C-alpha atoms as a PDB file:
ATOM      1  CA  MET A   1     -82.249  64.303  65.978  1.00  0.00           C
ATOM      2  CA  LEU A   2     -83.754  61.495  63.943  1.00  0.00           C
ATOM      3  CA  THR A   3     -81.823  58.272  63.891  1.00  0.00           C
ATOM      4  CA  PRO A   4     -81.055  56.765  60.475  1.00  0.00           C
ATOM      5  CA  LYS A   5     -83.827  54.167  60.794  1.00  0.00           C
ATOM      6  CA  ILE A   6     -86.614  56.607  61.692  1.00  0.00           C
ATOM      7  CA  VAL A   7     -87.658  58.441  58.561  1.00  0.00           C
ATOM      8  CA  SER A   8     -90.686  60.153  57.039  1.00  0.00           C
ATOM      9  CA  PRO A   9     -93.144  58.179  54.889  1.00  0.00           C
ATOM     10  CA  ASP A  10     -91.942  59.921  51.733  1.00  0.00           C
ATOM     11  CA  GLU A  11     -88.303  59.186  52.534  1.00  0.00           C
ATOM     12  CA  ALA A  12     -89.132  55.526  53.159  1.00  0.00           C
ATOM     13  CA  VAL A  13     -90.905  54.866  49.838  1.00  0.00           C
ATOM     14  CA  ALA A  14     -88.216  56.766  47.913  1.00  0.00           C
ATOM     15  CA  VAL A  15     -86.122  53.568  47.995  1.00  0.00           C
ATOM     16  CA  ILE A  16     -88.661  51.674  45.841  1.00  0.00           C
ATOM     17  CA  ARG A  17     -87.415  51.415  42.259  1.00  0.00           C
ATOM     18  CA  ASP A  18     -89.115  50.811  38.928  1.00  0.00           C
ATOM     19  CA  GLY A  19     -89.858  47.120  38.447  1.00  0.00           C
ATOM     20  CA  ASP A  20     -89.442  46.143  42.116  1.00  0.00           C
ATOM     21  CA  THR A  21     -91.463  43.362  43.700  1.00  0.00           C
ATOM     22  CA  VAL A  22     -93.258  44.877  46.698  1.00  0.00           C
ATOM     23  CA  CYS A  23     -94.869  42.681  49.343  1.00  0.00           C
ATOM     24  CA  THR A  24     -97.277  44.058  51.938  1.00  0.00           C
ATOM     25  CA  SER A  25     -98.842  42.732  55.125  1.00  0.00           C
ATOM     26  CA  GLY A  26    -102.461  43.220  56.096  1.00  0.00           C
ATOM     27  CA  PHE A  27    -105.768  41.376  56.297  1.00  0.00           C
ATOM     28  CA  VAL A  28    -108.696  43.629  55.360  1.00  0.00           C
ATOM     29  CA  GLY A  29    -108.062  46.604  57.709  1.00  0.00           C
ATOM     30  CA  ILE A  30    -105.959  44.715  60.251  1.00  0.00           C
ATOM     31  CA  GLY A  31    -102.200  45.194  60.017  1.00  0.00           C
ATOM     32  CA  THR A  32    -102.432  47.139  56.760  1.00  0.00           C
ATOM     33  CA  PRO A  33     -99.618  49.741  56.479  1.00  0.00           C
ATOM     34  CA  ASP A  34    -101.829  52.520  55.125  1.00  0.00           C
ATOM     35  CA  GLU A  35     -99.336  55.316  55.837  1.00  0.00           C
ATOM     36  CA  LEU A  36     -96.791  53.618  53.576  1.00  0.00           C
ATOM     37  CA  ILE A  37     -99.379  52.826  50.903  1.00  0.00           C
ATOM     38  CA  LEU A  38    -100.504  56.455  50.896  1.00  0.00           C
ATOM     39  CA  ALA A  39     -96.919  57.638  50.538  1.00  0.00           C
ATOM     40  CA  LEU A  40     -96.304  55.268  47.633  1.00  0.00           C
ATOM     41  CA  GLU A  41     -99.444  56.483  45.853  1.00  0.00           C
ATOM     42  CA  ARG A  42     -98.471  60.106  46.497  1.00  0.00           C
ATOM     43  CA  ARG A  43     -94.993  59.593  45.057  1.00  0.00           C
ATOM     44  CA  PHE A  44     -96.360  57.949  41.909  1.00  0.00           C
ATOM     45  CA  LEU A  45     -98.962  60.650  41.317  1.00  0.00           C
ATOM     46  CA  ASP A  46     -96.334  63.369  41.768  1.00  0.00           C
ATOM     47  CA  THR A  47     -93.468  61.823  39.781  1.00  0.00           C
ATOM     48  CA  ARG A  48     -94.908  58.804  37.873  1.00  0.00           C
ATOM     49  CA  GLN A  49     -92.389  56.682  39.758  1.00  0.00           C
ATOM     50  CA  PRO A  50     -91.913  53.955  40.689  1.00  0.00           C
ATOM     51  CA  ALA A  51     -93.509  52.263  37.703  1.00  0.00           C
ATOM     52  CA  GLY A  52     -94.099  48.659  36.687  1.00  0.00           C
ATOM     53  CA  LEU A  53     -94.180  47.197  40.199  1.00  0.00           C
ATOM     54  CA  THR A  54     -95.047  43.614  41.064  1.00  0.00           C
ATOM     55  CA  LEU A  55     -97.384  43.627  44.069  1.00  0.00           C
ATOM     56  CA  VAL A  56     -97.690  40.533  46.279  1.00  0.00           C
ATOM     57  CA  PHE A  57    -100.121  39.973  49.144  1.00  0.00           C
ATOM     58  CA  ALA A  58    -101.637  36.940  50.843  1.00  0.00           C
ATOM     59  CA  ALA A  59    -104.911  38.367  52.122  1.00  0.00           C
ATOM     60  CA  ALA A  60    -106.621  41.488  50.759  1.00  0.00           C
ATOM     61  CA  PRO A  61    -105.361  44.620  52.546  1.00  0.00           C
ATOM     62  CA  GLY A  62    -108.284  46.889  51.744  1.00  0.00           C
ATOM     63  CA  ASP A  63    -111.871  47.828  52.517  1.00  0.00           C
ATOM     64  CA  GLY A  64    -113.491  46.999  49.201  1.00  0.00           C
ATOM     65  CA  GLN A  65    -113.659  50.699  48.342  1.00  0.00           C
ATOM     66  CA  GLU A  66    -110.862  53.251  48.654  1.00  0.00           C
ATOM     67  CA  ARG A  67    -108.506  52.202  51.422  1.00  0.00           C
ATOM     68  CA  GLY A  68    -105.614  49.786  51.537  1.00  0.00           C
ATOM     69  CA  LEU A  69    -104.189  48.544  48.264  1.00  0.00           C
ATOM     70  CA  ASN A  70    -107.072  50.100  46.331  1.00  0.00           C
ATOM     71  CA  ARG A  71    -105.009  53.301  46.478  1.00  0.00           C
ATOM     72  CA  LEU A  72    -102.379  51.718  44.237  1.00  0.00           C
ATOM     73  CA  ALA A  73    -104.763  51.028  41.356  1.00  0.00           C
ATOM     74  CA  HIS A  74    -103.208  53.547  38.966  1.00  0.00           C
ATOM     75  CA  ALA A  75    -102.282  52.853  35.357  1.00  0.00           C
ATOM     76  CA  GLY A  76     -98.530  52.376  35.102  1.00  0.00           C
ATOM     77  CA  LEU A  77     -97.827  51.911  38.798  1.00  0.00           C
ATOM     78  CA  LEU A  78     -98.476  48.160  38.760  1.00  0.00           C
ATOM     79  CA  LYS A  79     -97.325  45.646  36.176  1.00  0.00           C
ATOM     80  CA  ARG A  80     -98.131  42.375  37.948  1.00  0.00           C
ATOM     81  CA  VAL A  81    -100.233  41.470  40.989  1.00  0.00           C
ATOM     82  CA  VAL A  82    -100.093  38.154  42.858  1.00  0.00           C
ATOM     83  CA  GLY A  83    -102.781  37.874  45.511  1.00  0.00           C
ATOM     84  CA  GLY A  84    -104.582  35.309  47.585  1.00  0.00           C
ATOM     85  CA  HIS A  85    -107.849  37.222  48.024  1.00  0.00           C
ATOM     86  CA  TRP A  86    -109.137  39.903  45.641  1.00  0.00           C
ATOM     87  CA  SER A  87    -112.630  40.804  46.854  1.00  0.00           C
ATOM     88  CA  LEU A  88    -111.519  43.726  49.014  1.00  0.00           C
ATOM     89  CA  VAL A  89    -109.258  45.264  46.360  1.00  0.00           C
ATOM     90  CA  PRO A  90    -111.830  45.792  43.574  1.00  0.00           C
ATOM     91  CA  LYS A  91    -109.960  48.692  42.001  1.00  0.00           C
ATOM     92  CA  ILE A  92    -106.973  46.440  41.351  1.00  0.00           C
ATOM     93  CA  GLY A  93    -109.419  43.777  40.234  1.00  0.00           C
ATOM     94  CA  ASP A  94    -110.761  46.183  37.618  1.00  0.00           C
ATOM     95  CA  LEU A  95    -107.227  46.596  36.248  1.00  0.00           C
ATOM     96  CA  ALA A  96    -106.995  42.832  35.913  1.00  0.00           C
ATOM     97  CA  LEU A  97    -110.364  42.608  34.164  1.00  0.00           C
ATOM     98  CA  ASP A  98    -109.262  45.326  31.739  1.00  0.00           C
ATOM     99  CA  ASN A  99    -106.010  43.452  30.948  1.00  0.00           C
ATOM    100  CA  ALA A 100    -104.090  46.454  32.292  1.00  0.00           C
ATOM    101  CA  ILE A 101    -101.948  44.270  34.590  1.00  0.00           C
ATOM    102  CA  GLU A 102    -100.773  40.684  34.811  1.00  0.00           C
ATOM    103  CA  ALA A 103    -102.799  39.057  37.576  1.00  0.00           C
ATOM    104  CA  TYR A 104    -102.653  35.806  39.546  1.00  0.00           C
ATOM    105  CA  ASN A 105    -104.981  34.403  42.204  1.00  0.00           C
ATOM    106  CA  LEU A 106    -103.075  31.803  44.249  1.00  0.00           C
ATOM    107  CA  PRO A 107    -104.206  30.163  47.513  1.00  0.00           C
ATOM    108  CA  LEU A 108    -103.788  32.570  50.415  1.00  0.00           C
ATOM    109  CA  GLY A 109    -102.133  29.997  52.648  1.00  0.00           C
ATOM    110  CA  CYS A 110     -99.730  28.935  49.921  1.00  0.00           C
ATOM    111  CA  ILE A 111     -98.575  32.528  49.436  1.00  0.00           C
ATOM    112  CA  ALA A 112     -98.040  32.885  53.189  1.00  0.00           C
ATOM    113  CA  ARG A 113     -95.995  29.668  53.262  1.00  0.00           C
ATOM    114  CA  LEU A 114     -94.120  30.683  50.107  1.00  0.00           C
ATOM    115  CA  TYR A 115     -92.684  33.673  51.995  1.00  0.00           C
ATOM    116  CA  ARG A 116     -90.968  31.199  54.328  1.00  0.00           C
ATOM    117  CA  GLU A 117     -89.583  29.224  51.409  1.00  0.00           C
ATOM    118  CA  ILE A 118     -88.198  32.416  49.874  1.00  0.00           C
ATOM    119  CA  ALA A 119     -86.668  33.297  53.241  1.00  0.00           C
ATOM    120  CA  ALA A 120     -85.026  29.851  53.341  1.00  0.00           C
ATOM    121  CA  ARG A 121     -83.682  30.265  49.780  1.00  0.00           C
ATOM    122  CA  GLY A 122     -85.749  27.272  48.747  1.00  0.00           C
ATOM    123  CA  PRO A 123     -86.915  26.499  45.199  1.00  0.00           C
ATOM    124  CA  GLY A 124     -90.523  27.233  46.098  1.00  0.00           C
ATOM    125  CA  LEU A 125     -93.414  25.645  47.949  1.00  0.00           C
ATOM    126  CA  LEU A 126     -94.453  22.041  47.326  1.00  0.00           C
ATOM    127  CA  SER A 127     -98.129  21.514  48.073  1.00  0.00           C
ATOM    128  CA  LYS A 128    -101.139  19.512  47.006  1.00  0.00           C
ATOM    129  CA  VAL A 129    -103.354  22.536  47.639  1.00  0.00           C
ATOM    130  CA  GLY A 130    -104.726  23.664  44.305  1.00  0.00           C
ATOM    131  CA  LEU A 131    -104.495  20.361  42.458  1.00  0.00           C
ATOM    132  CA  ARG A 132    -107.372  19.930  40.005  1.00  0.00           C
ATOM    133  CA  THR A 133    -108.549  23.512  40.600  1.00  0.00           C
ATOM    134  CA  PHE A 134    -108.025  26.695  38.570  1.00  0.00           C
ATOM    135  CA  VAL A 135    -104.584  26.987  40.229  1.00  0.00           C
ATOM    136  CA  ASP A 136    -103.449  23.748  38.620  1.00  0.00           C
ATOM    137  CA  PRO A 137    -101.414  24.628  35.487  1.00  0.00           C
ATOM    138  CA  ARG A 138    -103.607  22.177  33.566  1.00  0.00           C
ATOM    139  CA  GLN A 139    -106.558  24.413  34.500  1.00  0.00           C
ATOM    140  CA  GLY A 140    -104.950  27.830  33.968  1.00  0.00           C
ATOM    141  CA  GLY A 141    -102.383  28.088  36.764  1.00  0.00           C
ATOM    142  CA  GLY A 142    -104.188  30.842  38.661  1.00  0.00           C
ATOM    143  CA  LYS A 143    -103.924  33.313  35.769  1.00  0.00           C
ATOM    144  CA  LEU A 144    -106.776  35.817  35.731  1.00  0.00           C
ATOM    145  CA  ASN A 145    -106.614  37.338  32.255  1.00  0.00           C
ATOM    146  CA  ALA A 146    -105.223  37.019  28.756  1.00  0.00           C
ATOM    147  CA  VAL A 147    -102.083  39.132  29.277  1.00  0.00           C
ATOM    148  CA  THR A 148    -100.893  36.878  32.115  1.00  0.00           C
ATOM    149  CA  THR A 149     -98.709  34.224  30.511  1.00  0.00           C
ATOM    150  CA  GLU A 150     -95.831  33.246  32.820  1.00  0.00           C
ATOM    151  CA  ASP A 151     -96.355  30.063  34.832  1.00  0.00           C
ATOM    152  CA  LEU A 152     -95.896  30.671  38.573  1.00  0.00           C
ATOM    153  CA  VAL A 153     -97.130  27.153  39.407  1.00  0.00           C
ATOM    154  CA  GLU A 154     -95.884  23.911  37.893  1.00  0.00           C
ATOM    155  CA  LEU A 155     -96.608  20.201  38.244  1.00  0.00           C
ATOM    156  CA  THR A 156     -93.920  17.944  39.636  1.00  0.00           C
ATOM    157  CA  GLU A 157     -93.695  14.245  40.476  1.00  0.00           C
ATOM    158  CA  ILE A 158     -92.079  13.034  43.707  1.00  0.00           C
ATOM    159  CA  ALA A 159     -92.055   9.335  44.634  1.00  0.00           C
ATOM    160  CA  GLY A 160     -94.889   8.706  42.239  1.00  0.00           C
ATOM    161  CA  GLU A 161     -97.094  11.474  43.673  1.00  0.00           C
ATOM    162  CA  THR A 162     -98.159  14.641  41.887  1.00  0.00           C
ATOM    163  CA  TRP A 163     -97.444  17.954  43.596  1.00  0.00           C
ATOM    164  CA  LEU A 164     -97.726  21.609  42.721  1.00  0.00           C
ATOM    165  CA  ARG A 165     -94.600  23.745  43.016  1.00  0.00           C
ATOM    166  CA  TYR A 166     -95.308  27.390  43.705  1.00  0.00           C
ATOM    167  CA  LYS A 167     -92.169  29.027  42.354  1.00  0.00           C
ATOM    168  CA  ALA A 168     -90.005  31.246  44.540  1.00  0.00           C
ATOM    169  CA  PHE A 169     -89.160  34.790  43.456  1.00  0.00           C
ATOM    170  CA  PRO A 170     -87.264  37.670  45.106  1.00  0.00           C
ATOM    171  CA  ILE A 171     -89.005  40.223  47.339  1.00  0.00           C
ATOM    172  CA  HIS A 172     -87.325  43.591  46.814  1.00  0.00           C
ATOM    173  CA  VAL A 173     -89.339  45.654  49.314  1.00  0.00           C
ATOM    174  CA  ALA A 174     -91.462  44.540  52.272  1.00  0.00           C
ATOM    175  CA  LEU A 175     -94.040  46.893  53.805  1.00  0.00           C
ATOM    176  CA  ILE A 176     -94.894  45.672  57.308  1.00  0.00           C
ATOM    177  CA  ARG A 177     -96.641  47.065  60.375  1.00  0.00           C
ATOM    178  CA  GLY A 178     -96.266  46.917  64.147  1.00  0.00           C
ATOM    179  CA  THR A 179     -97.105  48.949  67.235  1.00  0.00           C
ATOM    180  CA  THR A 180     -93.822  50.206  68.695  1.00  0.00           C
ATOM    181  CA  ALA A 181     -90.264  50.460  67.393  1.00  0.00           C
ATOM    182  CA  ASP A 182     -87.027  51.543  68.995  1.00  0.00           C
ATOM    183  CA  PRO A 183     -84.235  53.449  67.218  1.00  0.00           C
ATOM    184  CA  ALA A 184     -82.584  50.163  66.226  1.00  0.00           C
ATOM    185  CA  GLY A 185     -85.726  49.062  64.360  1.00  0.00           C
ATOM    186  CA  ASN A 186     -86.924  46.380  66.771  1.00  0.00           C
ATOM    187  CA  VAL A 187     -90.703  46.149  66.344  1.00  0.00           C
ATOM    188  CA  THR A 188     -93.397  44.973  68.776  1.00  0.00           C
ATOM    189  CA  MET A 189     -97.079  44.322  68.059  1.00  0.00           C
ATOM    190  CA  GLU A 190     -98.781  44.660  71.427  1.00  0.00           C
ATOM    191  CA  TRP A 191    -101.729  46.712  70.088  1.00  0.00           C
ATOM    192  CA  GLU A 192    -102.151  44.865  66.794  1.00  0.00           C
ATOM    193  CA  ALA A 193    -105.161  42.583  66.374  1.00  0.00           C
ATOM    194  CA  LEU A 194    -103.070  40.068  64.389  1.00  0.00           C
ATOM    195  CA  THR A 195     -99.348  39.472  63.960  1.00  0.00           C
ATOM    196  CA  LEU A 196     -99.987  38.111  60.441  1.00  0.00           C
ATOM    197  CA  ASP A 197     -97.069  37.202  58.165  1.00  0.00           C
ATOM    198  CA  ASN A 198     -94.893  40.215  58.954  1.00  0.00           C
ATOM    199  CA  LEU A 199     -91.880  38.222  60.143  1.00  0.00           C
ATOM    200  CA  ALA A 200     -91.934  35.859  57.145  1.00  0.00           C
ATOM    201  CA  ILE A 201     -92.252  38.790  54.735  1.00  0.00           C
ATOM    202  CA  ALA A 202     -89.344  40.599  56.379  1.00  0.00           C
ATOM    203  CA  MET A 203     -87.141  37.498  56.277  1.00  0.00           C
ATOM    204  CA  ALA A 204     -88.043  36.870  52.628  1.00  0.00           C
ATOM    205  CA  ALA A 205     -87.043  40.418  51.717  1.00  0.00           C
ATOM    206  CA  LYS A 206     -83.725  40.271  53.563  1.00  0.00           C
ATOM    207  CA  THR A 207     -82.873  36.897  52.015  1.00  0.00           C
ATOM    208  CA  SER A 208     -83.595  38.531  48.641  1.00  0.00           C
ATOM    209  CA  ARG A 209     -81.216  41.395  49.570  1.00  0.00           C
ATOM    210  CA  GLY A 210     -84.258  43.630  49.667  1.00  0.00           C
ATOM    211  CA  LEU A 211     -85.445  46.349  52.028  1.00  0.00           C
ATOM    212  CA  VAL A 212     -87.914  46.216  54.926  1.00  0.00           C
ATOM    213  CA  ILE A 213     -89.978  49.282  55.854  1.00  0.00           C
ATOM    214  CA  ALA A 214     -91.949  49.125  59.110  1.00  0.00           C
ATOM    215  CA  GLN A 215     -94.930  51.337  59.966  1.00  0.00           C
ATOM    216  CA  VAL A 216     -95.568  51.827  63.703  1.00  0.00           C
ATOM    217  CA  GLU A 217     -97.618  53.967  66.081  1.00  0.00           C
ATOM    218  CA  ARG A 218     -94.829  55.151  68.362  1.00  0.00           C
ATOM    219  CA  ILE A 219     -91.109  55.160  69.105  1.00  0.00           C
ATOM    220  CA  ALA A 220     -89.595  53.799  72.317  1.00  0.00           C
ATOM    221  CA  ALA A 221     -86.232  54.710  73.815  1.00  0.00           C
ATOM    222  CA  ALA A 222     -83.257  52.594  72.852  1.00  0.00           C
ATOM    223  CA  GLU A 223     -82.993  49.275  74.707  1.00  0.00           C
ATOM    224  CA  SER A 224     -86.327  49.827  76.477  1.00  0.00           C
ATOM    225  CA  LEU A 225     -88.464  47.238  74.676  1.00  0.00           C
ATOM    226  CA  SER A 226     -89.083  43.894  76.307  1.00  0.00           C
ATOM    227  CA  PRO A 227     -87.204  41.298  74.243  1.00  0.00           C
ATOM    228  CA  ARG A 228     -90.132  38.921  74.717  1.00  0.00           C
ATOM    229  CA  GLU A 229     -92.468  41.355  72.932  1.00  0.00           C
ATOM    230  CA  VAL A 230     -90.259  42.012  69.912  1.00  0.00           C
ATOM    231  CA  GLN A 231     -91.855  40.346  66.891  1.00  0.00           C
ATOM    232  CA  ILE A 232     -89.498  41.726  64.222  1.00  0.00           C
ATOM    233  CA  PRO A 233     -85.840  42.118  65.278  1.00  0.00           C
ATOM    234  CA  GLY A 234     -84.125  45.302  64.205  1.00  0.00           C
ATOM    235  CA  VAL A 235     -81.577  43.421  62.114  1.00  0.00           C
ATOM    236  CA  LEU A 236     -84.415  42.752  59.638  1.00  0.00           C
ATOM    237  CA  VAL A 237     -85.697  46.348  59.504  1.00  0.00           C
ATOM    238  CA  ASP A 238     -84.126  49.031  57.326  1.00  0.00           C
ATOM    239  CA  CYS A 239     -86.324  51.997  58.215  1.00  0.00           C
ATOM    240  CA  VAL A 240     -89.242  52.899  60.465  1.00  0.00           C
ATOM    241  CA  VAL A 241     -92.135  55.275  59.796  1.00  0.00           C
ATOM    242  CA  VAL A 242     -94.394  56.671  62.527  1.00  0.00           C
ATOM    243  CA  ALA A 243     -97.941  56.761  61.154  1.00  0.00           C
ATOM    244  CA  GLU A 244    -100.643  59.331  61.685  1.00  0.00           C
ATOM    245  CA  PRO A 245    -103.352  57.896  63.982  1.00  0.00           C
ATOM    246  CA  GLU A 246    -105.984  57.837  61.223  1.00  0.00           C
ATOM    247  CA  ASN A 247    -103.678  55.672  59.108  1.00  0.00           C
ATOM    248  CA  HIS A 248    -102.918  53.198  61.870  1.00  0.00           C
ATOM    249  CA  ARG A 249    -106.252  52.103  63.313  1.00  0.00           C
ATOM    250  CA  GLN A 250    -106.393  48.639  64.848  1.00  0.00           C
ATOM    251  CA  THR A 251    -109.068  47.783  62.278  1.00  0.00           C
ATOM    252  CA  TYR A 252    -110.906  49.948  59.778  1.00  0.00           C
ATOM    253  CA  ALA A 253    -113.853  49.921  62.198  1.00  0.00           C
ATOM    254  CA  THR A 254    -111.974  50.123  65.512  1.00  0.00           C
ATOM    255  CA  ALA A 255    -109.385  52.584  66.799  1.00  0.00           C
ATOM    256  CA  TYR A 256    -108.342  50.163  69.549  1.00  0.00           C
ATOM    257  CA  ASN A 257    -109.970  47.330  71.480  1.00  0.00           C
ATOM    258  CA  HIS A 258    -108.089  45.500  74.255  1.00  0.00           C
ATOM    259  CA  ALA A 259    -109.909  42.278  73.447  1.00  0.00           C
ATOM    260  CA  PHE A 260    -108.719  42.311  69.831  1.00  0.00           C
ATOM    261  CA  SER A 261    -105.091  42.517  70.912  1.00  0.00           C
ATOM    262  CA  GLY A 262    -105.492  39.698  73.461  1.00  0.00           C
ATOM    263  CA  ARG A 263    -104.961  41.990  76.448  1.00  0.00           C
ATOM    264  CA  GLN A 264    -108.280  41.005  78.005  1.00  0.00           C
ATOM    265  CA  ARG A 265    -111.288  38.743  77.510  1.00  0.00           C
ATOM    266  CA  VAL A 266    -114.728  40.247  77.236  1.00  0.00           C
ATOM    267  CA  PRO A 267    -117.270  38.653  79.649  1.00  0.00           C
ATOM    268  CA  LEU A 268    -119.888  36.755  77.690  1.00  0.00           C
ATOM    269  CA  ASP A 269    -122.691  38.710  79.354  1.00  0.00           C
ATOM    270  CA  ARG A 270    -121.205  41.893  77.862  1.00  0.00           C
ATOM    271  CA  VAL A 271    -121.394  40.597  74.300  1.00  0.00           C
ATOM    272  CA  GLN A 272    -124.426  41.853  72.386  1.00  0.00           C
ATOM    273  CA  PRO A 273    -126.428  38.828  71.195  1.00  0.00           C
ATOM    274  CA  LEU A 274    -126.704  38.410  67.438  1.00  0.00           C
ATOM    275  CA  ALA A 275    -130.055  38.480  65.728  1.00  0.00           C
ATOM    276  CA  LEU A 276    -131.455  35.036  64.938  1.00  0.00           C
ATOM    277  CA  ASP A 277    -130.871  35.209  61.191  1.00  0.00           C
ATOM    278  CA  GLU A 278    -129.256  32.902  58.630  1.00  0.00           C
ATOM    279  CA  ARG A 279    -125.756  33.868  59.798  1.00  0.00           C
ATOM    280  CA  LYS A 280    -126.442  32.910  63.411  1.00  0.00           C
ATOM    281  CA  ILE A 281    -128.136  29.658  62.375  1.00  0.00           C
ATOM    282  CA  ILE A 282    -125.085  28.645  60.339  1.00  0.00           C
ATOM    283  CA  ALA A 283    -122.707  29.675  63.150  1.00  0.00           C
ATOM    284  CA  ARG A 284    -124.657  27.640  65.720  1.00  0.00           C
ATOM    285  CA  ARG A 285    -124.718  24.599  63.429  1.00  0.00           C
ATOM    286  CA  CYS A 286    -120.925  24.868  63.021  1.00  0.00           C
ATOM    287  CA  ALA A 287    -120.488  25.185  66.793  1.00  0.00           C
ATOM    288  CA  PHE A 288    -122.304  21.877  67.308  1.00  0.00           C
ATOM    289  CA  ALA A 289    -119.650  20.171  65.166  1.00  0.00           C
ATOM    290  CA  LEU A 290    -116.777  21.344  67.370  1.00  0.00           C
ATOM    291  CA  PRO A 291    -115.409  18.992  70.031  1.00  0.00           C
ATOM    292  CA  PRO A 292    -114.937  20.360  73.577  1.00  0.00           C
ATOM    293  CA  GLY A 293    -111.866  22.594  73.552  1.00  0.00           C
ATOM    294  CA  GLY A 294    -111.713  22.501  69.772  1.00  0.00           C
ATOM    295  CA  VAL A 295    -110.103  25.193  67.675  1.00  0.00           C
ATOM    296  CA  VAL A 296    -111.733  26.704  64.607  1.00  0.00           C
ATOM    297  CA  ASN A 297    -110.114  28.840  61.917  1.00  0.00           C
ATOM    298  CA  LEU A 298    -112.735  31.287  60.626  1.00  0.00           C
ATOM    299  CA  GLY A 299    -112.373  32.487  57.072  1.00  0.00           C
ATOM    300  CA  ILE A 300    -113.904  35.454  55.277  1.00  0.00           C
ATOM    301  CA  GLY A 301    -117.421  35.679  53.867  1.00  0.00           C
ATOM    302  CA  MET A 302    -120.205  34.306  56.055  1.00  0.00           C
ATOM    303  CA  PRO A 303    -117.809  33.717  59.006  1.00  0.00           C
ATOM    304  CA  TRP A 304    -116.806  37.384  58.833  1.00  0.00           C
ATOM    305  CA  GLY A 305    -120.301  38.473  59.799  1.00  0.00           C
END
């Protein structure tokens, strides 16, 4: 028999109500809970509910075409979207351009840190990131169209210095993803390429008295998971959905690669050399600027290639 926390995708998304704020994990095709997104789209197309959702994401869980959050780009389903990166969700971007939704583009890192502030019941995130840019309320406050009027970012003065305050708001439903769950809802991520902001999102939702839905690949027996591998404790998870394999690939281009999950290192002589084009020239020039043992955080765009 199914335990109360292990449910079908349709049963899981049935808890989402009209007007809820829904937060989802995912970076492009890594860690994106596609099974849950599909179920939410299916419910809306069948019943026209839930309607008027606020969607929040740090990165862009999508492929720039049909997958990921692009599936939620239906008139009436979304009322407001707050995102840190829009390029891979062009269908939602079209809604913003058509003034069909309220839309905000805030710094990706600030959204990720804001989850922690929400989890801590703080007043929001204080940061200098965004000052004197389009995120600054004096320059538009990150609003993307004419129907977006509420200020989510405000100026504040502390000890004579100017800061931006990214306002906190409740997260009603968190859609997260892991590899394995047990009947109590403990979630591990041993096959995931990135752990992302799943824990912060889950904590933000629980602090907001919201619900956390976890998508996983498989179910383990009770009390059989290694405590050291549990990334999301069961106390933070309300229900678990086992995804179909095609909706839980490690990336949109890879079913599973041990190297991506950190289980092994690929020998350098097994890596196919890149063509000597503009991308490789830029990458090599950047490498020269790194100190021995240095760490680099690669973004999206040219670094992606």
